[in-house]
Amino acid sequence: MKVLNLPPDDKELRTLAAGEEVLLVGRALTLRDAAHGRLADLVNRGEKPPFDLAGELVFYAGPSPAAAGRPVGAIGPTTSARMDRFLELTFELGVRVTLGKGPRAPQVKELHERYGAVYLAAVGGVAALLGGLVEDIEPVAWEDLGPEAVYRVILRDFPAVVAIDASGRDFLSERYLHYGGEK
């Protein structure tokens, strides 16, 4: 299994193949629906976001409060397809890798190819277990959004699979699903 150090290097991202398993080590930014909406509103008004997305991994997750002596109680991927409408904007802001769960809309494959970006999928339903793979967390912006605020998390050996690679190859749709249901 390949270790992907974060923030990722564009050259290394291009070597990842759809279906390949990776362990994520390093920093990521969490953004869910509410934060993406706020980010889009800012950019549409011509304002600069209060944080830099360039080169970051965006993790579609909302961490729960600290528990059991850990920085977070639970953190798990949320459904990535809900963020598809914001994907081009995040790529335009410099993001080259996202992490979530489930299949994405067919049109996002082309965006990944155009921007040389990668979509990583993690297993859902095990957020409490994955919370143990977060070494640190700090709020970055919009704390009023609670768990949907933007947080910087430090991941350690966080497992994922390359669901869409930088050439636009979609592992989930090729192997298991097509958008909208099972094969």
Protein backbone atom coordinates (compact mmCIF):
# COMPACT_ATOMS: atom_id res chain seq x y z
CA MET A 1 0.00 0.00 0.00
CA LYS A 2 1.35 3.41 -0.97
CA VAL A 3 1.78 6.21 1.59
CA LEU A 4 0.58 9.59 0.32
CA ASN A 5 2.15 12.44 2.27
CA LEU A 6 -0.02 15.53 2.62
CA PRO A 7 -0.13 18.11 1.28
CA PRO A 8 0.19 16.09 -1.91
CA ASP A 9 2.63 16.79 -4.70
CA ASP A 10 1.03 17.17 -8.17
CA LYS A 11 3.64 14.87 -9.68
CA GLU A 12 2.91 12.14 -7.12
CA LEU A 13 -0.86 12.52 -7.62
CA ARG A 14 -0.42 11.78 -11.32
CA THR A 15 1.24 8.44 -10.45
CA LEU A 16 -1.82 7.20 -8.53
CA ALA A 17 -4.02 4.73 -10.38
CA ALA A 18 -7.75 4.22 -9.95
CA GLY A 19 -8.29 1.33 -7.54
CA GLU A 20 -4.95 1.79 -5.76
CA GLU A 21 -5.02 1.78 -1.95
CA VAL A 22 -3.25 4.57 -0.08
CA LEU A 23 -2.51 5.61 3.49
CA LEU A 24 -2.81 9.36 4.07
CA VAL A 25 -0.27 11.05 6.33
CA GLY A 26 -0.29 14.78 7.00
CA ARG A 27 -2.62 17.75 6.93
CA ALA A 28 -6.01 18.15 5.31
CA LEU A 29 -8.84 20.68 5.43
CA THR A 30 -12.39 19.59 6.20
CA LEU A 31 -15.17 21.16 4.12
CA ARG A 32 -18.76 19.99 4.00
CA ASP A 33 -21.90 21.38 2.41
CA ALA A 34 -22.27 24.55 4.52
CA ALA A 35 -18.60 25.55 4.23
CA HIS A 36 -18.62 24.92 0.48
CA GLY A 37 -21.72 27.11 0.14
CA ARG A 38 -20.12 29.91 2.13
CA LEU A 39 -16.91 29.61 0.12
CA ALA A 40 -18.83 29.82 -3.17
CA ASP A 41 -20.77 32.88 -1.96
CA LEU A 42 -17.52 34.66 -1.04
CA VAL A 43 -15.87 33.91 -4.36
CA ASN A 44 -19.01 34.90 -6.31
CA ARG A 45 -18.94 38.28 -4.52
CA GLY A 46 -15.30 38.72 -5.55
CA GLU A 47 -13.99 38.25 -2.02
CA LYS A 48 -10.96 36.22 -1.00
CA PRO A 49 -11.51 33.18 1.26
CA PRO A 50 -10.09 33.45 4.81
CA PHE A 51 -7.83 30.43 4.14
CA ASP A 52 -5.74 29.15 1.25
CA LEU A 53 -6.91 26.00 -0.50
CA ALA A 54 -4.01 25.74 -2.94
CA GLY A 55 -2.36 22.35 -2.69
CA GLU A 56 -4.60 21.12 0.13
CA LEU A 57 -6.49 17.86 0.40
CA VAL A 58 -10.16 18.65 1.03
CA PHE A 59 -11.79 16.05 3.29
CA TYR A 60 -15.58 16.01 3.10
CA ALA A 61 -16.10 15.46 6.82
CA GLY A 62 -17.51 17.03 9.96
CA PRO A 63 -15.50 16.01 13.02
CA SER A 64 -17.25 15.45 16.34
CA PRO A 65 -15.89 16.96 19.58
CA ALA A 66 -12.84 15.42 21.24
CA ALA A 67 -13.42 12.21 23.16
CA ALA A 68 -11.50 9.38 24.82
CA GLY A 69 -8.32 11.45 25.02
CA ARG A 70 -8.26 12.00 21.25
CA PRO A 71 -8.40 15.30 19.31
CA VAL A 72 -11.72 14.22 17.73
CA GLY A 73 -14.33 11.74 18.82
CA ALA A 74 -15.30 10.66 15.33
CA ILE A 75 -14.54 11.75 11.79
CA GLY A 76 -15.77 10.01 8.71
CA PRO A 77 -16.29 10.79 5.08
CA THR A 78 -19.59 12.25 3.94
CA THR A 79 -21.26 11.68 0.58
CA SER A 80 -19.04 13.32 -2.03
CA ALA A 81 -21.73 13.64 -4.72
CA ARG A 82 -23.31 16.46 -2.68
CA MET A 83 -20.14 18.51 -3.24
CA ASP A 84 -19.99 17.91 -7.01
CA ARG A 85 -21.56 21.31 -7.74
CA PHE A 86 -18.65 22.98 -5.92
CA LEU A 87 -15.88 20.81 -7.36
CA GLU A 88 -14.77 23.02 -10.23
CA LEU A 89 -14.54 26.02 -7.88
CA THR A 90 -12.35 24.10 -5.42
CA PHE A 91 -10.12 22.97 -8.29
CA GLU A 92 -9.90 26.57 -9.51
CA LEU A 93 -8.77 27.54 -5.99
CA GLY A 94 -5.90 25.04 -6.20
CA VAL A 95 -7.26 21.85 -4.61
CA ARG A 96 -5.97 18.75 -6.39
CA VAL A 97 -7.26 15.97 -4.17
CA THR A 98 -10.55 15.37 -2.36
CA LEU A 99 -11.53 12.67 0.12
CA GLY A 100 -15.07 11.47 0.78
CA LYS A 101 -17.28 8.47 0.19
CA GLY A 102 -19.35 7.06 -2.62
CA PRO A 103 -19.62 7.59 -6.35
CA ARG A 104 -19.57 10.98 -8.03
CA ALA A 105 -21.50 12.37 -10.97
CA PRO A 106 -20.20 11.28 -14.39
CA GLN A 107 -19.21 14.83 -15.40
CA VAL A 108 -16.66 15.12 -12.58
CA LYS A 109 -14.38 12.60 -14.29
CA GLU A 110 -13.61 15.23 -16.94
CA LEU A 111 -12.85 17.83 -14.25
CA HIS A 112 -10.35 15.46 -12.64
CA GLU A 113 -8.63 14.93 -15.96
CA ARG A 114 -8.61 18.65 -16.82
CA TYR A 115 -7.14 19.68 -13.46
CA GLY A 116 -4.95 16.61 -12.90
CA ALA A 117 -6.89 15.99 -9.70
CA VAL A 118 -7.64 12.84 -7.69
CA TYR A 119 -10.69 11.73 -5.72
CA LEU A 120 -10.02 9.39 -2.81
CA ALA A 121 -12.79 7.36 -1.20
CA ALA A 122 -12.81 6.14 2.39
CA VAL A 123 -15.10 3.67 4.08
CA GLY A 124 -18.18 5.22 5.65
CA GLY A 125 -19.80 4.04 8.86
CA VAL A 126 -16.57 3.73 10.82
CA ALA A 127 -16.15 7.36 11.92
CA ALA A 128 -15.37 6.46 15.53
CA LEU A 129 -12.55 4.17 14.38
CA LEU A 130 -11.22 6.76 11.90
CA GLY A 131 -11.23 9.37 14.67
CA GLY A 132 -8.31 7.49 16.18
CA LEU A 133 -6.27 8.27 13.06
CA VAL A 134 -6.42 12.04 13.62
CA GLU A 135 -3.39 13.36 15.48
CA ASP A 136 -4.46 17.00 15.73
CA ILE A 137 -7.28 19.35 14.78
CA GLU A 138 -7.60 23.11 14.75
CA PRO A 139 -10.39 25.40 13.57
CA VAL A 140 -9.52 27.39 10.45
CA ALA A 141 -12.70 29.31 9.58
CA TRP A 142 -16.43 29.68 10.20
CA GLU A 143 -16.63 28.11 13.65
CA ASP A 144 -20.28 29.16 13.77
CA LEU A 145 -20.95 26.20 11.45
CA GLY A 146 -20.07 23.75 14.24
CA PRO A 147 -18.92 20.40 12.80
CA GLU A 148 -19.31 21.87 9.29
CA ALA A 149 -16.72 24.59 10.01
CA VAL A 150 -13.39 24.39 8.23
CA TYR A 151 -10.83 22.48 10.30
CA ARG A 152 -7.23 21.54 9.68
CA VAL A 153 -6.69 17.94 10.68
CA ILE A 154 -3.50 15.94 10.81
CA LEU A 155 -4.06 12.39 9.58
CA ARG A 156 -1.93 9.35 10.38
CA ASP A 157 -2.18 6.21 8.24
CA PHE A 158 -5.72 7.09 7.16
CA PRO A 159 -6.84 4.44 4.61
CA ALA A 160 -8.42 5.36 1.27
CA VAL A 161 -8.71 4.11 -2.28
CA VAL A 162 -8.12 6.11 -5.44
CA ALA A 163 -11.68 6.36 -6.75
CA ILE A 164 -10.97 8.76 -9.66
CA ASP A 165 -7.42 9.25 -10.84
CA ALA A 166 -5.84 12.26 -12.58
CA SER A 167 -6.63 10.76 -16.00
CA GLY A 168 -10.35 10.64 -15.13
CA ARG A 169 -10.54 6.87 -14.67
CA ASP A 170 -13.38 6.12 -12.23
CA PHE A 171 -12.74 2.97 -10.21
CA LEU A 172 -16.14 2.92 -8.49
CA SER A 173 -18.16 3.16 -11.69
CA GLU A 174 -15.93 0.69 -13.53
CA ARG A 175 -15.96 -1.93 -10.80
CA TYR A 176 -19.05 -1.58 -8.70
CA LEU A 177 -21.53 1.18 -9.36
CA HIS A 178 -22.77 3.63 -11.85
CA TYR A 179 -24.11 6.99 -10.73
CA GLY A 180 -27.66 6.52 -9.51
CA GLY A 181 -27.56 2.87 -8.52
CA GLU A 182 -25.96 -0.53 -8.78
CA LYS A 183 -24.86 -2.20 -11.99
